[in-house]
C-alpha cells in the first residue's frame, strides 16, 4: 500500500471518531540544527534573519516536517504546539505559528502550562498535562476531541514515553537523524512527514 493511500486511510479513521488533534514539539521536530542543510539535512530550509537559540545559535532552520505539516495525515486535524522551549523571539514565533495554520484559526497568543488559553504552549516540562490543556481549550470552542484522537509528535524519547497510560497517542520523530553532540538525546535534522501517522499508542525510535 502506498504512502498516500495509507495516510488517506489514517485520516478516515481519525475522523470516524470525531475531530482529531495533532500537536508538535518545536525544537528538532519542526526545526533542525541551525544552518545545516545539504548534504547532511538536504530537505531542511534555512530561514534567513529569523534567529533561533535552541541547542545552539543561528538562523531558524525548518525540518522537512516543519515545512510540510499541511501535506501530512494531520492536515485536516486541529493543530497546535506543545514545547519545552521558548520559540525564540517574535519573528520565530510568527513563523512557527504560520506552519500550523491548518484546519481552523490559531490565535496569535502563546500560553504557558499554568494558564493555557490557546493551542500554542511553551515552557512545558511535563507534556501530557499541557496536551490536556490544549484539548480542553479546543473543546471549549466546540471541537469535541476525545483523548484517543490526540497525537503528539516529539523528537525526545522521554517526552514521548511520558504519554504511556494517559489515553493520548505520541510518536517520536527525527529517528534517522540524531544529534550526537547532545548524546543522541535530541533530533538533528528534525521530523519528516513520513513519521507523522495517526496510529494509536506510544512509539519511540
C-alpha atoms as a PDB file:
ATOM      1  CA  UNK A   1       0.000   0.000   0.000  1.00  0.00           C
ATOM      2  CA  UNK A   2       1.388   3.403  -0.896  1.00  0.00           C
ATOM      3  CA  UNK A   3       2.102   6.246   1.486  1.00  0.00           C
ATOM      4  CA  UNK A   4      -0.710   8.368   0.094  1.00  0.00           C
ATOM      5  CA  UNK A   5      -3.283   5.576   0.416  1.00  0.00           C
ATOM      6  CA  UNK A   6      -2.132   4.753   3.917  1.00  0.00           C
ATOM      7  CA  UNK A   7      -2.340   8.375   5.040  1.00  0.00           C
ATOM      8  CA  UNK A   8      -5.783   8.670   3.479  1.00  0.00           C
ATOM      9  CA  UNK A   9      -6.952   5.656   5.461  1.00  0.00           C
ATOM     10  CA  UNK A  10      -5.456   7.107   8.629  1.00  0.00           C
ATOM     11  CA  UNK A  11      -7.299  10.367   8.078  1.00  0.00           C
ATOM     12  CA  UNK A  12     -10.553   8.494   7.529  1.00  0.00           C
ATOM     13  CA  UNK A  13     -10.000   6.528  10.735  1.00  0.00           C
ATOM     14  CA  UNK A  14      -9.229   9.698  12.651  1.00  0.00           C
ATOM     15  CA  UNK A  15     -12.440  11.347  11.548  1.00  0.00           C
ATOM     16  CA  UNK A  16     -14.614   8.319  12.145  1.00  0.00           C
ATOM     17  CA  UNK A  17     -14.483   9.055  15.875  1.00  0.00           C
ATOM     18  CA  UNK A  18     -14.795  12.833  15.787  1.00  0.00           C
ATOM     19  CA  UNK A  19     -12.248  15.608  15.484  1.00  0.00           C
ATOM     20  CA  UNK A  20      -8.554  14.759  15.646  1.00  0.00           C
ATOM     21  CA  UNK A  21      -5.811  16.910  17.134  1.00  0.00           C
ATOM     22  CA  UNK A  22      -2.119  16.866  16.209  1.00  0.00           C
ATOM     23  CA  UNK A  23       0.366  18.598  18.494  1.00  0.00           C
ATOM     24  CA  UNK A  24       4.008  19.209  17.725  1.00  0.00           C
ATOM     25  CA  UNK A  25       7.141  19.948  19.667  1.00  0.00           C
ATOM     26  CA  UNK A  26       9.201  22.757  18.091  1.00  0.00           C
ATOM     27  CA  UNK A  27      12.940  22.243  18.575  1.00  0.00           C
ATOM     28  CA  UNK A  28      14.346  19.416  16.390  1.00  0.00           C
ATOM     29  CA  UNK A  29      10.802  18.387  15.472  1.00  0.00           C
ATOM     30  CA  UNK A  30       9.526  21.265  13.345  1.00  0.00           C
ATOM     31  CA  UNK A  31      13.087  22.574  13.206  1.00  0.00           C
ATOM     32  CA  UNK A  32      16.517  21.095  12.558  1.00  0.00           C
ATOM     33  CA  UNK A  33      20.026  22.040  13.615  1.00  0.00           C
ATOM     34  CA  UNK A  34      20.556  25.706  12.755  1.00  0.00           C
ATOM     35  CA  UNK A  35      22.054  26.429   9.315  1.00  0.00           C
ATOM     36  CA  UNK A  36      22.568  22.737   8.447  1.00  0.00           C
ATOM     37  CA  UNK A  37      21.174  21.748   5.066  1.00  0.00           C
ATOM     38  CA  UNK A  38      22.748  19.678   2.224  1.00  0.00           C
ATOM     39  CA  UNK A  39      24.317  17.219   2.334  1.00  0.00           C
ATOM     40  CA  UNK A  40      23.545  16.378   5.965  1.00  0.00           C
ATOM     41  CA  UNK A  41      19.926  17.580   6.062  1.00  0.00           C
ATOM     42  CA  UNK A  42      19.068  18.070   2.374  1.00  0.00           C
ATOM     43  CA  UNK A  43      15.340  18.554   2.952  1.00  0.00           C
ATOM     44  CA  UNK A  44      15.754  21.337   5.514  1.00  0.00           C
ATOM     45  CA  UNK A  45      15.286  25.034   4.784  1.00  0.00           C
ATOM     46  CA  UNK A  46      17.183  27.924   6.396  1.00  0.00           C
ATOM     47  CA  UNK A  47      15.050  30.964   7.245  1.00  0.00           C
ATOM     48  CA  UNK A  48      17.486  33.849   6.947  1.00  0.00           C
ATOM     49  CA  UNK A  49      17.289  36.573   9.605  1.00  0.00           C
ATOM     50  CA  UNK A  50      14.968  34.546  11.853  1.00  0.00           C
ATOM     51  CA  UNK A  51      17.036  33.832  14.963  1.00  0.00           C
ATOM     52  CA  UNK A  52      16.805  30.516  16.827  1.00  0.00           C
ATOM     53  CA  UNK A  53      18.780  29.995  20.047  1.00  0.00           C
ATOM     54  CA  UNK A  54      17.631  26.446  20.901  1.00  0.00           C
ATOM     55  CA  UNK A  55      20.523  23.988  21.402  1.00  0.00           C
ATOM     56  CA  UNK A  56      22.907  26.478  19.822  1.00  0.00           C
ATOM     57  CA  UNK A  57      22.577  29.674  17.824  1.00  0.00           C
ATOM     58  CA  UNK A  58      21.866  30.585  14.237  1.00  0.00           C
ATOM     59  CA  UNK A  59      19.152  31.067  11.675  1.00  0.00           C
ATOM     60  CA  UNK A  60      15.931  29.160  12.164  1.00  0.00           C
ATOM     61  CA  UNK A  61      16.123  26.022  10.038  1.00  0.00           C
ATOM     62  CA  UNK A  62      12.890  24.202   9.282  1.00  0.00           C
ATOM     63  CA  UNK A  63      12.780  20.423   9.095  1.00  0.00           C
ATOM     64  CA  UNK A  64      11.020  18.532   6.324  1.00  0.00           C
ATOM     65  CA  UNK A  65       8.057  18.158   8.687  1.00  0.00           C
ATOM     66  CA  UNK A  66       8.110  21.826   9.648  1.00  0.00           C
ATOM     67  CA  UNK A  67       7.807  22.868   6.018  1.00  0.00           C
ATOM     68  CA  UNK A  68       5.077  20.390   5.107  1.00  0.00           C
ATOM     69  CA  UNK A  69       2.712  19.869   8.045  1.00  0.00           C
ATOM     70  CA  UNK A  70      -0.139  20.509   5.613  1.00  0.00           C
ATOM     71  CA  UNK A  71       0.786  17.503   3.491  1.00  0.00           C
ATOM     72  CA  UNK A  72       0.744  15.012   6.376  1.00  0.00           C
ATOM     73  CA  UNK A  73      -2.041  12.886   7.813  1.00  0.00           C
ATOM     74  CA  UNK A  74      -2.597  15.748  10.281  1.00  0.00           C
ATOM     75  CA  UNK A  75      -3.631  18.186   7.544  1.00  0.00           C
ATOM     76  CA  UNK A  76      -7.341  18.098   8.380  1.00  0.00           C
ATOM     77  CA  UNK A  77      -6.922  17.758  12.138  1.00  0.00           C
ATOM     78  CA  UNK A  78      -6.862  20.578  14.628  1.00  0.00           C
ATOM     79  CA  UNK A  79      -3.256  21.612  15.212  1.00  0.00           C
ATOM     80  CA  UNK A  80      -1.126  23.036  17.995  1.00  0.00           C
ATOM     81  CA  UNK A  81       2.273  23.352  19.671  1.00  0.00           C
ATOM     82  CA  UNK A  82       3.460  21.905  22.977  1.00  0.00           C
ATOM     83  CA  UNK A  83       7.119  22.769  23.532  1.00  0.00           C
ATOM     84  CA  UNK A  84       9.539  22.853  26.436  1.00  0.00           C
ATOM     85  CA  UNK A  85      11.341  25.721  24.707  1.00  0.00           C
ATOM     86  CA  UNK A  86      10.652  29.415  24.194  1.00  0.00           C
ATOM     87  CA  UNK A  87      10.114  29.594  20.401  1.00  0.00           C
ATOM     88  CA  UNK A  88      12.674  32.399  20.266  1.00  0.00           C
ATOM     89  CA  UNK A  89      11.680  35.977  19.536  1.00  0.00           C
ATOM     90  CA  UNK A  90       8.649  37.430  17.792  1.00  0.00           C
ATOM     91  CA  UNK A  91       9.850  36.597  14.276  1.00  0.00           C
ATOM     92  CA  UNK A  92      10.408  32.928  15.112  1.00  0.00           C
ATOM     93  CA  UNK A  93       7.076  32.711  16.952  1.00  0.00           C
ATOM     94  CA  UNK A  94       5.292  34.163  13.933  1.00  0.00           C
ATOM     95  CA  UNK A  95       6.975  31.681  11.623  1.00  0.00           C
ATOM     96  CA  UNK A  96       6.199  28.672  13.808  1.00  0.00           C
ATOM     97  CA  UNK A  97       2.553  29.719  14.135  1.00  0.00           C
ATOM     98  CA  UNK A  98       2.297  30.063  10.350  1.00  0.00           C
ATOM     99  CA  UNK A  99       3.461  26.456   9.900  1.00  0.00           C
ATOM    100  CA  UNK A 100       0.408  25.077  11.676  1.00  0.00           C
ATOM    101  CA  UNK A 101      -2.354  27.333  10.399  1.00  0.00           C
ATOM    102  CA  UNK A 102      -4.322  24.330   9.206  1.00  0.00           C
ATOM    103  CA  UNK A 103      -7.987  23.466   9.680  1.00  0.00           C
ATOM    104  CA  UNK A 104      -9.123  26.261  11.922  1.00  0.00           C
ATOM    105  CA  UNK A 105      -7.857  29.589  13.142  1.00  0.00           C
ATOM    106  CA  UNK A 106      -4.990  29.586  15.636  1.00  0.00           C
ATOM    107  CA  UNK A 107      -4.883  32.784  17.713  1.00  0.00           C
ATOM    108  CA  UNK A 108      -1.685  34.770  17.957  1.00  0.00           C
ATOM    109  CA  UNK A 109      -1.409  34.056  21.662  1.00  0.00           C
ATOM    110  CA  UNK A 110       1.230  31.917  23.332  1.00  0.00           C
ATOM    111  CA  UNK A 111       0.369  30.106  26.540  1.00  0.00           C
ATOM    112  CA  UNK A 112       2.311  28.562  29.415  1.00  0.00           C
ATOM    113  CA  UNK A 113       1.491  25.458  31.488  1.00  0.00           C
ATOM    114  CA  UNK A 114      -0.215  27.303  34.350  1.00  0.00           C
ATOM    115  CA  UNK A 115      -2.555  29.206  32.025  1.00  0.00           C
ATOM    116  CA  UNK A 116      -3.426  27.540  28.716  1.00  0.00           C
ATOM    117  CA  UNK A 117      -5.719  29.775  26.685  1.00  0.00           C
ATOM    118  CA  UNK A 118      -4.531  28.880  23.187  1.00  0.00           C
ATOM    119  CA  UNK A 119      -3.191  25.833  21.316  1.00  0.00           C
ATOM    120  CA  UNK A 120       0.349  27.259  21.428  1.00  0.00           C
ATOM    121  CA  UNK A 121       2.076  26.181  24.657  1.00  0.00           C
ATOM    122  CA  UNK A 122       5.678  26.964  25.642  1.00  0.00           C
ATOM    123  CA  UNK A 123       7.826  26.116  28.663  1.00  0.00           C
ATOM    124  CA  UNK A 124       6.147  22.757  29.183  1.00  0.00           C
ATOM    125  CA  UNK A 125       8.314  20.232  31.036  1.00  0.00           C
ATOM    126  CA  UNK A 126       5.572  17.582  31.505  1.00  0.00           C
ATOM    127  CA  UNK A 127       3.829  17.435  28.172  1.00  0.00           C
ATOM    128  CA  UNK A 128       0.741  15.278  28.892  1.00  0.00           C
ATOM    129  CA  UNK A 129      -0.698  17.947  31.193  1.00  0.00           C
ATOM    130  CA  UNK A 130      -0.140  20.633  28.573  1.00  0.00           C
ATOM    131  CA  UNK A 131      -1.733  18.455  25.914  1.00  0.00           C
ATOM    132  CA  UNK A 132      -4.753  18.078  28.181  1.00  0.00           C
ATOM    133  CA  UNK A 133      -4.882  21.877  28.461  1.00  0.00           C
ATOM    134  CA  UNK A 134      -4.905  22.266  24.665  1.00  0.00           C
ATOM    135  CA  UNK A 135      -7.626  19.613  24.312  1.00  0.00           C
ATOM    136  CA  UNK A 136      -9.712  21.465  26.897  1.00  0.00           C
ATOM    137  CA  UNK A 137      -9.163  24.754  25.040  1.00  0.00           C
ATOM    138  CA  UNK A 138     -10.308  23.272  21.719  1.00  0.00           C
ATOM    139  CA  UNK A 139     -13.284  21.583  23.351  1.00  0.00           C
ATOM    140  CA  UNK A 140     -14.372  24.906  24.847  1.00  0.00           C
ATOM    141  CA  UNK A 141     -14.568  26.047  21.228  1.00  0.00           C
ATOM    142  CA  UNK A 142     -16.852  23.084  20.491  1.00  0.00           C
ATOM    143  CA  UNK A 143     -14.298  20.793  18.832  1.00  0.00           C
ATOM    144  CA  UNK A 144     -15.387  17.565  20.523  1.00  0.00           C
ATOM    145  CA  UNK A 145     -11.916  15.989  20.705  1.00  0.00           C
ATOM    146  CA  UNK A 146     -11.514  12.774  22.690  1.00  0.00           C
ATOM    147  CA  UNK A 147      -8.150  11.650  24.121  1.00  0.00           C
ATOM    148  CA  UNK A 148      -7.773   8.728  21.692  1.00  0.00           C
ATOM    149  CA  UNK A 149      -7.919  11.201  18.771  1.00  0.00           C
ATOM    150  CA  UNK A 150      -4.940  13.237  20.067  1.00  0.00           C
ATOM    151  CA  UNK A 151      -1.475  12.720  18.550  1.00  0.00           C
ATOM    152  CA  UNK A 152       1.734  14.254  19.923  1.00  0.00           C
ATOM    153  CA  UNK A 153       4.946  14.323  17.860  1.00  0.00           C
ATOM    154  CA  UNK A 154       8.280  14.966  19.603  1.00  0.00           C
ATOM    155  CA  UNK A 155      11.949  14.183  18.970  1.00  0.00           C
ATOM    156  CA  UNK A 156      12.808  13.309  22.606  1.00  0.00           C
ATOM    157  CA  UNK A 157      12.188   9.754  23.789  1.00  0.00           C
ATOM    158  CA  UNK A 158      11.453  10.659  27.424  1.00  0.00           C
ATOM    159  CA  UNK A 159       8.800  13.161  26.347  1.00  0.00           C
ATOM    160  CA  UNK A 160       7.087  10.555  24.192  1.00  0.00           C
ATOM    161  CA  UNK A 161       7.260   7.847  26.850  1.00  0.00           C
ATOM    162  CA  UNK A 162       5.607  10.182  29.365  1.00  0.00           C
ATOM    163  CA  UNK A 163       2.357   9.607  27.436  1.00  0.00           C
ATOM    164  CA  UNK A 164       2.065   5.944  28.455  1.00  0.00           C
ATOM    165  CA  UNK A 165      -1.205   5.478  30.329  1.00  0.00           C
ATOM    166  CA  UNK A 166      -2.573   8.940  29.526  1.00  0.00           C
ATOM    167  CA  UNK A 167      -5.026   7.897  26.815  1.00  0.00           C
ATOM    168  CA  UNK A 168      -3.225  10.143  24.312  1.00  0.00           C
ATOM    169  CA  UNK A 169      -1.136   8.913  21.381  1.00  0.00           C
ATOM    170  CA  UNK A 170       2.504  10.002  20.999  1.00  0.00           C
ATOM    171  CA  UNK A 171       5.199   9.231  18.443  1.00  0.00           C
ATOM    172  CA  UNK A 172       8.895  10.050  18.330  1.00  0.00           C
ATOM    173  CA  UNK A 173      10.317  11.750  15.218  1.00  0.00           C
ATOM    174  CA  UNK A 174      13.765  12.541  13.790  1.00  0.00           C
ATOM    175  CA  UNK A 175      14.513   8.852  14.257  1.00  0.00           C
ATOM    176  CA  UNK A 176      17.025   8.579  11.412  1.00  0.00           C
ATOM    177  CA  UNK A 177      18.917  11.726  12.418  1.00  0.00           C
ATOM    178  CA  UNK A 178      20.101  12.246  15.996  1.00  0.00           C
ATOM    179  CA  UNK A 179      22.334  14.965  17.423  1.00  0.00           C
ATOM    180  CA  UNK A 180      25.318  13.057  18.772  1.00  0.00           C
ATOM    181  CA  UNK A 181      26.804  16.314  20.032  1.00  0.00           C
ATOM    182  CA  UNK A 182      23.945  16.103  22.554  1.00  0.00           C
ATOM    183  CA  UNK A 183      24.445  12.373  23.147  1.00  0.00           C
ATOM    184  CA  UNK A 184      21.722  11.456  20.664  1.00  0.00           C
ATOM    185  CA  UNK A 185      19.061  12.668  23.096  1.00  0.00           C
ATOM    186  CA  UNK A 186      17.579  15.119  20.591  1.00  0.00           C
ATOM    187  CA  UNK A 187      16.957  15.085  16.870  1.00  0.00           C
ATOM    188  CA  UNK A 188      19.365  16.639  14.363  1.00  0.00           C
ATOM    189  CA  UNK A 189      17.576  17.231  11.055  1.00  0.00           C
ATOM    190  CA  UNK A 190      14.204  17.162  12.796  1.00  0.00           C
ATOM    191  CA  UNK A 191      10.973  15.434  11.909  1.00  0.00           C
ATOM    192  CA  UNK A 192       9.968  14.182   8.486  1.00  0.00           C
ATOM    193  CA  UNK A 193       6.482  13.952   7.014  1.00  0.00           C
ATOM    194  CA  UNK A 194       6.781  10.165   6.746  1.00  0.00           C
ATOM    195  CA  UNK A 195       6.977   9.944  10.558  1.00  0.00           C
ATOM    196  CA  UNK A 196       3.578  11.566  11.038  1.00  0.00           C
ATOM    197  CA  UNK A 197       0.976   8.862  11.300  1.00  0.00           C
ATOM    198  CA  UNK A 198      -2.370   8.813  13.054  1.00  0.00           C
ATOM    199  CA  UNK A 199      -1.803   5.450  14.667  1.00  0.00           C
ATOM    200  CA  UNK A 200      -2.790   4.522  18.207  1.00  0.00           C
ATOM    201  CA  UNK A 201      -0.404   4.155  21.105  1.00  0.00           C
ATOM    202  CA  UNK A 202       3.046   5.421  22.044  1.00  0.00           C
ATOM    203  CA  UNK A 203       6.061   4.692  19.829  1.00  0.00           C
ATOM    204  CA  UNK A 204       9.743   5.573  20.053  1.00  0.00           C
ATOM    205  CA  UNK A 205      12.616   5.150  17.629  1.00  0.00           C
END
